[in-house]
Amino acid sequence: MATTEKKKTAFEAPRQNLWLLNPEELQLITDEKDPLYDPRVSLPALEGLVLSIMRRGVIEPVIIQKRDGQAVVVDGRQRVKAAREANKRLKKEGAIVKRVPCKLEVVAEAADVLGLMFSANEHRTDDSPIEKAKKAARLLQAGYSEEEIAVEFGLRSAQTVKNWLSLLDVAPAVRKAIERGEVAPTVAAKVAKLPHAEQLAAIQRAQGARKKRPTVAAVQREARSPDRPARMRNRAELEATLKQPHLPDGWSACIKWVLRCE
């Protein structure tokens, strides 16, 4: 006698439904008086996110609310905009377009909708540069190319991936300085090939030179005529200043920058 086996679900837990919608069907609020308005709605689509969606689709569901029969975006504006751009490119390639997974939130009060929108945005945290470097290294070991890693992270260029990976070669003291926010990752990447004992000193020298470098505003103030402080020196006077034999360190470059901007 045949026995019937009970069909099992993946997990013994309550499930929620996700709606797979075309990004063009999702309404982005652009009216500043609307409670769901967010100034970031006017930002251009992020190129890295577009490339990621073309490859993987939208991974994180967008939160929507139903309003007058329309699906209004509460959280996920950039994902929707990037999905629209991704689909334009996929259509040109003759590829299958992507749909956006959406989670419907039923919220009655306008204040609750506003709180939901802010909560969804503000509780996100970003990985430190070192953590990103570690994740990039794991993908590299798994067989990904640097270009493919850039797509997975939503980056415009593989150069950023190269910079991240170089951080894994910096001295422990430099790594701690990066994590404390005292040293920029781009600065640390430039000294990664130096011996560990020399890296921190090289960074300190670079930071010290940057602090001594005069700003454009300082050069402009100094360029004013002493007998008429409110007047800026003209091009001929600035060019004459450049010919002086003993200009302070960095002033020559700044004056040239001012002259190019005239």
C-alpha atoms as a PDB file:
ATOM      1  CA  MET A   1       0.000   0.000   0.000  1.00  0.00           C
ATOM      2  CA  ALA A   2       1.451   3.332  -1.036  1.00  0.00           C
ATOM      3  CA  THR A   3       2.097   5.819   1.715  1.00  0.00           C
ATOM      4  CA  THR A   4       1.821   9.537   1.295  1.00  0.00           C
ATOM      5  CA  GLU A   5       4.608  11.643   2.701  1.00  0.00           C
ATOM      6  CA  LYS A   6       3.681  14.968   4.193  1.00  0.00           C
ATOM      7  CA  LYS A   7       5.075  17.841   2.169  1.00  0.00           C
ATOM      8  CA  LYS A   8       7.497  19.886   4.227  1.00  0.00           C
ATOM      9  CA  THR A   9       8.141  23.583   3.957  1.00  0.00           C
ATOM     10  CA  ALA A  10      11.660  24.967   3.932  1.00  0.00           C
ATOM     11  CA  PHE A  11      11.268  26.286   7.477  1.00  0.00           C
ATOM     12  CA  GLU A  12       8.688  25.679  10.163  1.00  0.00           C
ATOM     13  CA  ALA A  13       7.810  29.328  10.621  1.00  0.00           C
ATOM     14  CA  PRO A  14       5.155  31.828   9.477  1.00  0.00           C
ATOM     15  CA  ARG A  15       5.597  33.143   5.936  1.00  0.00           C
ATOM     16  CA  GLN A  16       4.937  36.515   4.374  1.00  0.00           C
ATOM     17  CA  ASN A  17       4.121  37.175   0.756  1.00  0.00           C
ATOM     18  CA  LEU A  18       6.283  39.345  -1.497  1.00  0.00           C
ATOM     19  CA  TRP A  19       4.893  41.024  -4.596  1.00  0.00           C
ATOM     20  CA  LEU A  20       7.061  40.929  -7.717  1.00  0.00           C
ATOM     21  CA  LEU A  21       6.266  44.182  -9.502  1.00  0.00           C
ATOM     22  CA  ASN A  22       7.597  45.933 -12.557  1.00  0.00           C
ATOM     23  CA  PRO A  23       9.639  48.955 -11.332  1.00  0.00           C
ATOM     24  CA  GLU A  24       7.626  51.175 -13.667  1.00  0.00           C
ATOM     25  CA  GLU A  25       4.510  50.254 -11.668  1.00  0.00           C
ATOM     26  CA  LEU A  26       6.004  51.570  -8.438  1.00  0.00           C
ATOM     27  CA  GLN A  27       5.172  55.175  -7.601  1.00  0.00           C
ATOM     28  CA  LEU A  28       7.953  57.433  -6.328  1.00  0.00           C
ATOM     29  CA  ILE A  29       6.737  60.465  -4.382  1.00  0.00           C
ATOM     30  CA  THR A  30       8.135  63.743  -5.735  1.00  0.00           C
ATOM     31  CA  ASP A  31       5.654  66.110  -4.071  1.00  0.00           C
ATOM     32  CA  GLU A  32       7.494  67.855  -1.214  1.00  0.00           C
ATOM     33  CA  LYS A  33       4.233  68.229   0.735  1.00  0.00           C
ATOM     34  CA  ASP A  34       3.632  64.484   0.778  1.00  0.00           C
ATOM     35  CA  PRO A  35       4.536  62.704   4.067  1.00  0.00           C
ATOM     36  CA  LEU A  36       6.534  60.126   2.088  1.00  0.00           C
ATOM     37  CA  TYR A  37       8.654  62.701   0.256  1.00  0.00           C
ATOM     38  CA  ASP A  38      12.404  62.188   0.548  1.00  0.00           C
ATOM     39  CA  PRO A  39      14.873  64.594  -1.156  1.00  0.00           C
ATOM     40  CA  ARG A  40      16.982  61.627  -2.267  1.00  0.00           C
ATOM     41  CA  VAL A  41      14.274  60.762  -4.781  1.00  0.00           C
ATOM     42  CA  SER A  42      15.861  63.327  -7.108  1.00  0.00           C
ATOM     43  CA  LEU A  43      19.299  61.692  -7.032  1.00  0.00           C
ATOM     44  CA  PRO A  44      20.437  59.974 -10.246  1.00  0.00           C
ATOM     45  CA  ALA A  45      20.460  56.189 -10.408  1.00  0.00           C
ATOM     46  CA  LEU A  46      23.625  54.740  -8.887  1.00  0.00           C
ATOM     47  CA  GLU A  47      25.693  53.156 -11.647  1.00  0.00           C
ATOM     48  CA  GLY A  48      27.081  50.437  -9.415  1.00  0.00           C
ATOM     49  CA  LEU A  49      23.607  49.479  -8.246  1.00  0.00           C
ATOM     50  CA  VAL A  50      22.362  49.408 -11.841  1.00  0.00           C
ATOM     51  CA  LEU A  51      25.099  46.943 -12.808  1.00  0.00           C
ATOM     52  CA  SER A  52      24.390  44.816  -9.738  1.00  0.00           C
ATOM     53  CA  ILE A  53      20.661  44.625 -10.533  1.00  0.00           C
ATOM     54  CA  MET A  54      21.402  43.681 -14.135  1.00  0.00           C
ATOM     55  CA  ARG A  55      23.405  40.745 -12.774  1.00  0.00           C
ATOM     56  CA  ARG A  56      21.517  39.735  -9.614  1.00  0.00           C
ATOM     57  CA  GLY A  57      18.211  41.555  -9.683  1.00  0.00           C
ATOM     58  CA  VAL A  58      16.925  43.480  -6.672  1.00  0.00           C
ATOM     59  CA  ILE A  59      18.016  41.491  -3.627  1.00  0.00           C
ATOM     60  CA  GLU A  60      16.523  43.520  -0.779  1.00  0.00           C
ATOM     61  CA  PRO A  61      12.719  43.922  -0.986  1.00  0.00           C
ATOM     62  CA  VAL A  62      11.257  47.374  -1.386  1.00  0.00           C
ATOM     63  CA  ILE A  63       8.677  48.449   1.203  1.00  0.00           C
ATOM     64  CA  ILE A  64       5.453  49.740  -0.338  1.00  0.00           C
ATOM     65  CA  GLN A  65       2.078  51.038   0.760  1.00  0.00           C
ATOM     66  CA  LYS A  66      -1.139  50.828  -1.221  1.00  0.00           C
ATOM     67  CA  ARG A  67      -2.623  54.244  -1.919  1.00  0.00           C
ATOM     68  CA  ASP A  68      -5.568  54.767  -4.265  1.00  0.00           C
ATOM     69  CA  GLY A  69      -4.790  51.456  -5.918  1.00  0.00           C
ATOM     70  CA  GLN A  70      -1.166  52.400  -6.526  1.00  0.00           C
ATOM     71  CA  ALA A  71       1.977  50.842  -5.034  1.00  0.00           C
ATOM     72  CA  VAL A  72       3.734  53.774  -3.342  1.00  0.00           C
ATOM     73  CA  VAL A  73       7.364  53.327  -2.315  1.00  0.00           C
ATOM     74  CA  VAL A  74       8.034  53.844   1.389  1.00  0.00           C
ATOM     75  CA  ASP A  75      11.613  52.554   1.375  1.00  0.00           C
ATOM     76  CA  GLY A  76      13.781  51.602  -1.608  1.00  0.00           C
ATOM     77  CA  ARG A  77      13.705  54.599  -3.939  1.00  0.00           C
ATOM     78  CA  GLN A  78      17.248  54.076  -5.199  1.00  0.00           C
ATOM     79  CA  ARG A  79      16.600  50.385  -5.855  1.00  0.00           C
ATOM     80  CA  VAL A  80      13.525  51.249  -7.908  1.00  0.00           C
ATOM     81  CA  LYS A  81      15.317  53.907  -9.946  1.00  0.00           C
ATOM     82  CA  ALA A  82      18.289  51.629 -10.548  1.00  0.00           C
ATOM     83  CA  ALA A  83      15.952  48.786 -11.562  1.00  0.00           C
ATOM     84  CA  ARG A  84      14.261  51.031 -14.125  1.00  0.00           C
ATOM     85  CA  GLU A  85      17.616  51.956 -15.654  1.00  0.00           C
ATOM     86  CA  ALA A  86      18.793  48.335 -15.533  1.00  0.00           C
ATOM     87  CA  ASN A  87      15.694  47.201 -17.417  1.00  0.00           C
ATOM     88  CA  LYS A  88      16.251  49.793 -20.138  1.00  0.00           C
ATOM     89  CA  ARG A  89      19.693  48.343 -20.771  1.00  0.00           C
ATOM     90  CA  LEU A  90      18.481  44.736 -20.524  1.00  0.00           C
ATOM     91  CA  LYS A  91      15.764  45.423 -23.108  1.00  0.00           C
ATOM     92  CA  LYS A  92      18.369  46.786 -25.529  1.00  0.00           C
ATOM     93  CA  GLU A  93      20.374  43.598 -25.043  1.00  0.00           C
ATOM     94  CA  GLY A  94      17.300  41.461 -25.614  1.00  0.00           C
ATOM     95  CA  ALA A  95      17.602  40.047 -22.077  1.00  0.00           C
ATOM     96  CA  ILE A  96      14.845  39.328 -19.557  1.00  0.00           C
ATOM     97  CA  VAL A  97      13.958  42.380 -17.479  1.00  0.00           C
ATOM     98  CA  LYS A  98      13.959  42.335 -13.683  1.00  0.00           C
ATOM     99  CA  ARG A  99      11.016  42.658 -11.342  1.00  0.00           C
ATOM    100  CA  VAL A 100      11.228  44.218  -7.899  1.00  0.00           C
ATOM    101  CA  PRO A 101      10.305  42.191  -4.794  1.00  0.00           C
ATOM    102  CA  CYS A 102       7.983  44.342  -2.682  1.00  0.00           C
ATOM    103  CA  LYS A 103       6.757  43.986   0.863  1.00  0.00           C
ATOM    104  CA  LEU A 104       3.369  45.550   1.536  1.00  0.00           C
ATOM    105  CA  GLU A 105       3.069  47.398   4.847  1.00  0.00           C
ATOM    106  CA  VAL A 106      -0.443  48.283   5.972  1.00  0.00           C
ATOM    107  CA  VAL A 107      -0.131  51.438   8.086  1.00  0.00           C
ATOM    108  CA  ALA A 108      -3.190  53.499   8.871  1.00  0.00           C
ATOM    109  CA  GLU A 109      -1.744  56.688  10.390  1.00  0.00           C
ATOM    110  CA  ALA A 110       0.370  59.099   8.352  1.00  0.00           C
ATOM    111  CA  ALA A 111       2.725  59.565  11.322  1.00  0.00           C
ATOM    112  CA  ASP A 112       3.301  55.807  11.454  1.00  0.00           C
ATOM    113  CA  VAL A 113       4.171  55.744   7.744  1.00  0.00           C
ATOM    114  CA  LEU A 114       6.695  58.540   8.289  1.00  0.00           C
ATOM    115  CA  GLY A 115       8.228  56.696  11.233  1.00  0.00           C
ATOM    116  CA  LEU A 116       8.462  53.520   9.159  1.00  0.00           C
ATOM    117  CA  MET A 117      10.263  55.358   6.362  1.00  0.00           C
ATOM    118  CA  PHE A 118      12.812  56.935   8.699  1.00  0.00           C
ATOM    119  CA  SER A 119      13.358  53.705  10.615  1.00  0.00           C
ATOM    120  CA  ALA A 120      14.049  51.739   7.422  1.00  0.00           C
ATOM    121  CA  ASN A 121      16.731  54.242   6.407  1.00  0.00           C
ATOM    122  CA  GLU A 122      18.424  55.120   9.667  1.00  0.00           C
ATOM    123  CA  HIS A 123      19.076  51.662  11.105  1.00  0.00           C
ATOM    124  CA  ARG A 124      21.388  50.611   8.286  1.00  0.00           C
ATOM    125  CA  THR A 125      25.113  50.421   9.005  1.00  0.00           C
ATOM    126  CA  ASP A 126      27.955  50.263   6.534  1.00  0.00           C
ATOM    127  CA  ASP A 127      30.958  47.961   6.770  1.00  0.00           C
ATOM    128  CA  SER A 128      34.333  49.473   7.593  1.00  0.00           C
ATOM    129  CA  PRO A 129      36.894  49.584   4.752  1.00  0.00           C
ATOM    130  CA  ILE A 130      38.783  46.709   6.381  1.00  0.00           C
ATOM    131  CA  GLU A 131      35.649  44.535   6.532  1.00  0.00           C
ATOM    132  CA  LYS A 132      34.925  45.318   2.885  1.00  0.00           C
ATOM    133  CA  ALA A 133      38.499  44.317   2.055  1.00  0.00           C
ATOM    134  CA  LYS A 134      38.060  40.989   3.842  1.00  0.00           C
ATOM    135  CA  LYS A 135      34.818  40.269   1.974  1.00  0.00           C
ATOM    136  CA  ALA A 136      36.417  41.206  -1.346  1.00  0.00           C
ATOM    137  CA  ALA A 137      39.314  38.836  -0.590  1.00  0.00           C
ATOM    138  CA  ARG A 138      36.879  35.991   0.111  1.00  0.00           C
ATOM    139  CA  LEU A 139      35.192  36.558  -3.257  1.00  0.00           C
ATOM    140  CA  LEU A 140      38.587  36.667  -4.964  1.00  0.00           C
ATOM    141  CA  GLN A 141      39.476  33.323  -3.405  1.00  0.00           C
ATOM    142  CA  ALA A 142      36.129  31.937  -4.563  1.00  0.00           C
ATOM    143  CA  GLY A 143      37.082  32.652  -8.171  1.00  0.00           C
ATOM    144  CA  TYR A 144      35.593  36.111  -8.759  1.00  0.00           C
ATOM    145  CA  SER A 145      37.517  38.643 -10.812  1.00  0.00           C
ATOM    146  CA  GLU A 146      38.065  42.153  -9.447  1.00  0.00           C
ATOM    147  CA  GLU A 147      35.587  43.467 -12.018  1.00  0.00           C
ATOM    148  CA  GLU A 148      32.948  40.966 -10.873  1.00  0.00           C
ATOM    149  CA  ILE A 149      33.581  41.894  -7.235  1.00  0.00           C
ATOM    150  CA  ALA A 150      33.034  45.549  -8.130  1.00  0.00           C
ATOM    151  CA  VAL A 151      29.627  44.660  -9.581  1.00  0.00           C
ATOM    152  CA  GLU A 152      28.677  42.672  -6.471  1.00  0.00           C
ATOM    153  CA  PHE A 153      29.517  45.651  -4.268  1.00  0.00           C
ATOM    154  CA  GLY A 154      27.798  48.141  -6.558  1.00  0.00           C
ATOM    155  CA  LEU A 155      31.026  49.941  -7.458  1.00  0.00           C
ATOM    156  CA  ARG A 156      31.714  51.897 -10.614  1.00  0.00           C
ATOM    157  CA  SER A 157      35.301  50.717 -10.931  1.00  0.00           C
ATOM    158  CA  ALA A 158      37.446  47.726 -10.023  1.00  0.00           C
ATOM    159  CA  GLN A 159      40.114  50.177  -8.826  1.00  0.00           C
ATOM    160  CA  THR A 160      38.226  50.549  -5.550  1.00  0.00           C
ATOM    161  CA  VAL A 161      38.417  46.781  -5.099  1.00  0.00           C
ATOM    162  CA  LYS A 162      42.180  46.923  -5.702  1.00  0.00           C
ATOM    163  CA  ASN A 163      42.469  49.641  -3.047  1.00  0.00           C
ATOM    164  CA  TRP A 164      40.439  47.569  -0.574  1.00  0.00           C
ATOM    165  CA  LEU A 165      42.571  44.482  -1.137  1.00  0.00           C
ATOM    166  CA  SER A 166      45.759  46.464  -0.605  1.00  0.00           C
ATOM    167  CA  LEU A 167      44.505  47.399   2.881  1.00  0.00           C
ATOM    168  CA  LEU A 168      44.985  43.800   3.936  1.00  0.00           C
ATOM    169  CA  ASP A 169      48.753  44.322   3.533  1.00  0.00           C
ATOM    170  CA  VAL A 170      49.055  47.385   5.779  1.00  0.00           C
ATOM    171  CA  ALA A 171      50.688  47.274   9.193  1.00  0.00           C
ATOM    172  CA  PRO A 172      48.455  46.555  12.227  1.00  0.00           C
ATOM    173  CA  ALA A 173      48.952  50.120  13.499  1.00  0.00           C
ATOM    174  CA  VAL A 174      47.791  51.541  10.161  1.00  0.00           C
ATOM    175  CA  ARG A 175      44.809  49.189  10.110  1.00  0.00           C
ATOM    176  CA  LYS A 176      43.724  50.405  13.551  1.00  0.00           C
ATOM    177  CA  ALA A 177      44.116  54.010  12.413  1.00  0.00           C
ATOM    178  CA  ILE A 178      41.843  53.295   9.425  1.00  0.00           C
ATOM    179  CA  GLU A 179      39.197  51.734  11.664  1.00  0.00           C
ATOM    180  CA  ARG A 180      39.323  54.776  13.983  1.00  0.00           C
ATOM    181  CA  GLY A 181      38.847  57.061  10.990  1.00  0.00           C
ATOM    182  CA  GLU A 182      42.253  58.709  11.486  1.00  0.00           C
ATOM    183  CA  VAL A 183      43.652  57.586   8.120  1.00  0.00           C
ATOM    184  CA  ALA A 184      41.760  57.569   4.828  1.00  0.00           C
ATOM    185  CA  PRO A 185      41.751  54.191   3.022  1.00  0.00           C
ATOM    186  CA  THR A 186      43.056  55.838  -0.157  1.00  0.00           C
ATOM    187  CA  VAL A 187      46.074  57.184   1.755  1.00  0.00           C
ATOM    188  CA  ALA A 188      46.750  53.819   3.378  1.00  0.00           C
ATOM    189  CA  ALA A 189      46.520  52.043   0.014  1.00  0.00           C
ATOM    190  CA  LYS A 190      49.379  54.173  -1.325  1.00  0.00           C
ATOM    191  CA  VAL A 191      51.801  52.972   1.355  1.00  0.00           C
ATOM    192  CA  ALA A 192      50.672  49.330   1.456  1.00  0.00           C
ATOM    193  CA  LYS A 193      53.714  48.126  -0.494  1.00  0.00           C
ATOM    194  CA  LEU A 194      56.180  49.718   1.920  1.00  0.00           C
ATOM    195  CA  PRO A 195      57.672  47.688   4.793  1.00  0.00           C
ATOM    196  CA  HIS A 196      55.364  47.712   7.828  1.00  0.00           C
ATOM    197  CA  ALA A 197      57.878  49.693   9.890  1.00  0.00           C
ATOM    198  CA  GLU A 198      57.823  52.551   7.350  1.00  0.00           C
ATOM    199  CA  GLN A 199      54.101  52.799   6.579  1.00  0.00           C
ATOM    200  CA  LEU A 200      52.893  54.831   9.557  1.00  0.00           C
ATOM    201  CA  ALA A 201      55.764  57.310   9.245  1.00  0.00           C
ATOM    202  CA  ALA A 202      55.019  57.766   5.527  1.00  0.00           C
ATOM    203  CA  ILE A 203      51.362  58.462   6.292  1.00  0.00           C
ATOM    204  CA  GLN A 204      52.275  60.977   8.996  1.00  0.00           C
ATOM    205  CA  ARG A 205      54.611  62.790   6.594  1.00  0.00           C
ATOM    206  CA  ALA A 206      51.884  62.938   3.936  1.00  0.00           C
ATOM    207  CA  GLN A 207      49.307  64.234   6.416  1.00  0.00           C
ATOM    208  CA  GLY A 208      51.740  66.802   7.764  1.00  0.00           C
ATOM    209  CA  ALA A 209      52.493  68.108   4.270  1.00  0.00           C
ATOM    210  CA  ARG A 210      48.780  68.369   3.530  1.00  0.00           C
ATOM    211  CA  LYS A 211      48.169  70.431   6.678  1.00  0.00           C
ATOM    212  CA  LYS A 212      50.934  72.882   5.697  1.00  0.00           C
ATOM    213  CA  ARG A 213      49.582  73.301   2.175  1.00  0.00           C
ATOM    214  CA  PRO A 214      47.827  76.687   1.883  1.00  0.00           C
ATOM    215  CA  THR A 215      44.218  76.810   0.758  1.00  0.00           C
ATOM    216  CA  VAL A 216      43.112  78.678  -2.348  1.00  0.00           C
ATOM    217  CA  ALA A 217      41.283  81.177  -0.121  1.00  0.00           C
ATOM    218  CA  ALA A 218      44.499  81.869   1.794  1.00  0.00           C
ATOM    219  CA  VAL A 219      46.401  82.505  -1.437  1.00  0.00           C
ATOM    220  CA  GLN A 220      43.670  84.831  -2.650  1.00  0.00           C
ATOM    221  CA  ARG A 221      43.769  86.802   0.610  1.00  0.00           C
ATOM    222  CA  GLU A 222      47.546  87.088   0.455  1.00  0.00           C
ATOM    223  CA  ALA A 223      47.356  88.154  -3.191  1.00  0.00           C
ATOM    224  CA  ARG A 224      45.480  91.318  -2.312  1.00  0.00           C
ATOM    225  CA  SER A 225      47.345  94.567  -2.783  1.00  0.00           C
ATOM    226  CA  PRO A 226      48.682  95.901   0.560  1.00  0.00           C
ATOM    227  CA  ASP A 227      47.573  99.461  -0.212  1.00  0.00           C
ATOM    228  CA  ARG A 228      44.062  98.348  -1.272  1.00  0.00           C
ATOM    229  CA  PRO A 229      43.215  95.258   0.858  1.00  0.00           C
ATOM    230  CA  ALA A 230      39.789  94.727  -0.697  1.00  0.00           C
ATOM    231  CA  ARG A 231      41.190  94.435  -4.202  1.00  0.00           C
ATOM    232  CA  MET A 232      42.376  91.127  -5.639  1.00  0.00           C
ATOM    233  CA  ARG A 233      45.578  91.224  -7.636  1.00  0.00           C
ATOM    234  CA  ASN A 234      45.080  90.878 -11.356  1.00  0.00           C
ATOM    235  CA  ARG A 235      46.578  88.186 -13.592  1.00  0.00           C
ATOM    236  CA  ALA A 236      49.722  90.211 -14.367  1.00  0.00           C
ATOM    237  CA  GLU A 237      50.408  90.744 -10.649  1.00  0.00           C
ATOM    238  CA  LEU A 238      49.874  87.062  -9.855  1.00  0.00           C
ATOM    239  CA  GLU A 239      52.162  86.007 -12.692  1.00  0.00           C
ATOM    240  CA  ALA A 240      54.793  88.405 -11.337  1.00  0.00           C
ATOM    241  CA  THR A 241      54.400  86.817  -7.903  1.00  0.00           C
ATOM    242  CA  LEU A 242      55.130  83.415  -9.421  1.00  0.00           C
ATOM    243  CA  LYS A 243      58.515  84.685 -10.587  1.00  0.00           C
ATOM    244  CA  GLN A 244      59.625  85.513  -7.049  1.00  0.00           C
ATOM    245  CA  PRO A 245      62.537  83.259  -6.050  1.00  0.00           C
ATOM    246  CA  HIS A 246      61.446  82.292  -2.521  1.00  0.00           C
ATOM    247  CA  LEU A 247      57.719  81.546  -2.433  1.00  0.00           C
ATOM    248  CA  PRO A 248      56.393  79.622   0.602  1.00  0.00           C
ATOM    249  CA  ASP A 249      55.970  75.880   0.115  1.00  0.00           C
ATOM    250  CA  GLY A 250      52.869  75.082  -1.963  1.00  0.00           C
ATOM    251  CA  TRP A 251      52.059  78.674  -2.934  1.00  0.00           C
ATOM    252  CA  SER A 252      53.222  78.292  -6.509  1.00  0.00           C
ATOM    253  CA  ALA A 253      50.736  75.456  -7.182  1.00  0.00           C
ATOM    254  CA  CYS A 254      47.848  77.354  -5.596  1.00  0.00           C
ATOM    255  CA  ILE A 255      48.518  80.559  -7.558  1.00  0.00           C
ATOM    256  CA  LYS A 256      48.619  78.534 -10.770  1.00  0.00           C
ATOM    257  CA  TRP A 257      45.276  76.980  -9.789  1.00  0.00           C
ATOM    258  CA  VAL A 258      43.778  80.471  -9.271  1.00  0.00           C
ATOM    259  CA  LEU A 259      45.054  81.616 -12.652  1.00  0.00           C
ATOM    260  CA  ARG A 260      43.507  78.614 -14.424  1.00  0.00           C
ATOM    261  CA  CYS A 261      40.114  79.381 -12.818  1.00  0.00           C
ATOM    262  CA  GLU A 262      39.980  82.976 -14.006  1.00  0.00           C
END
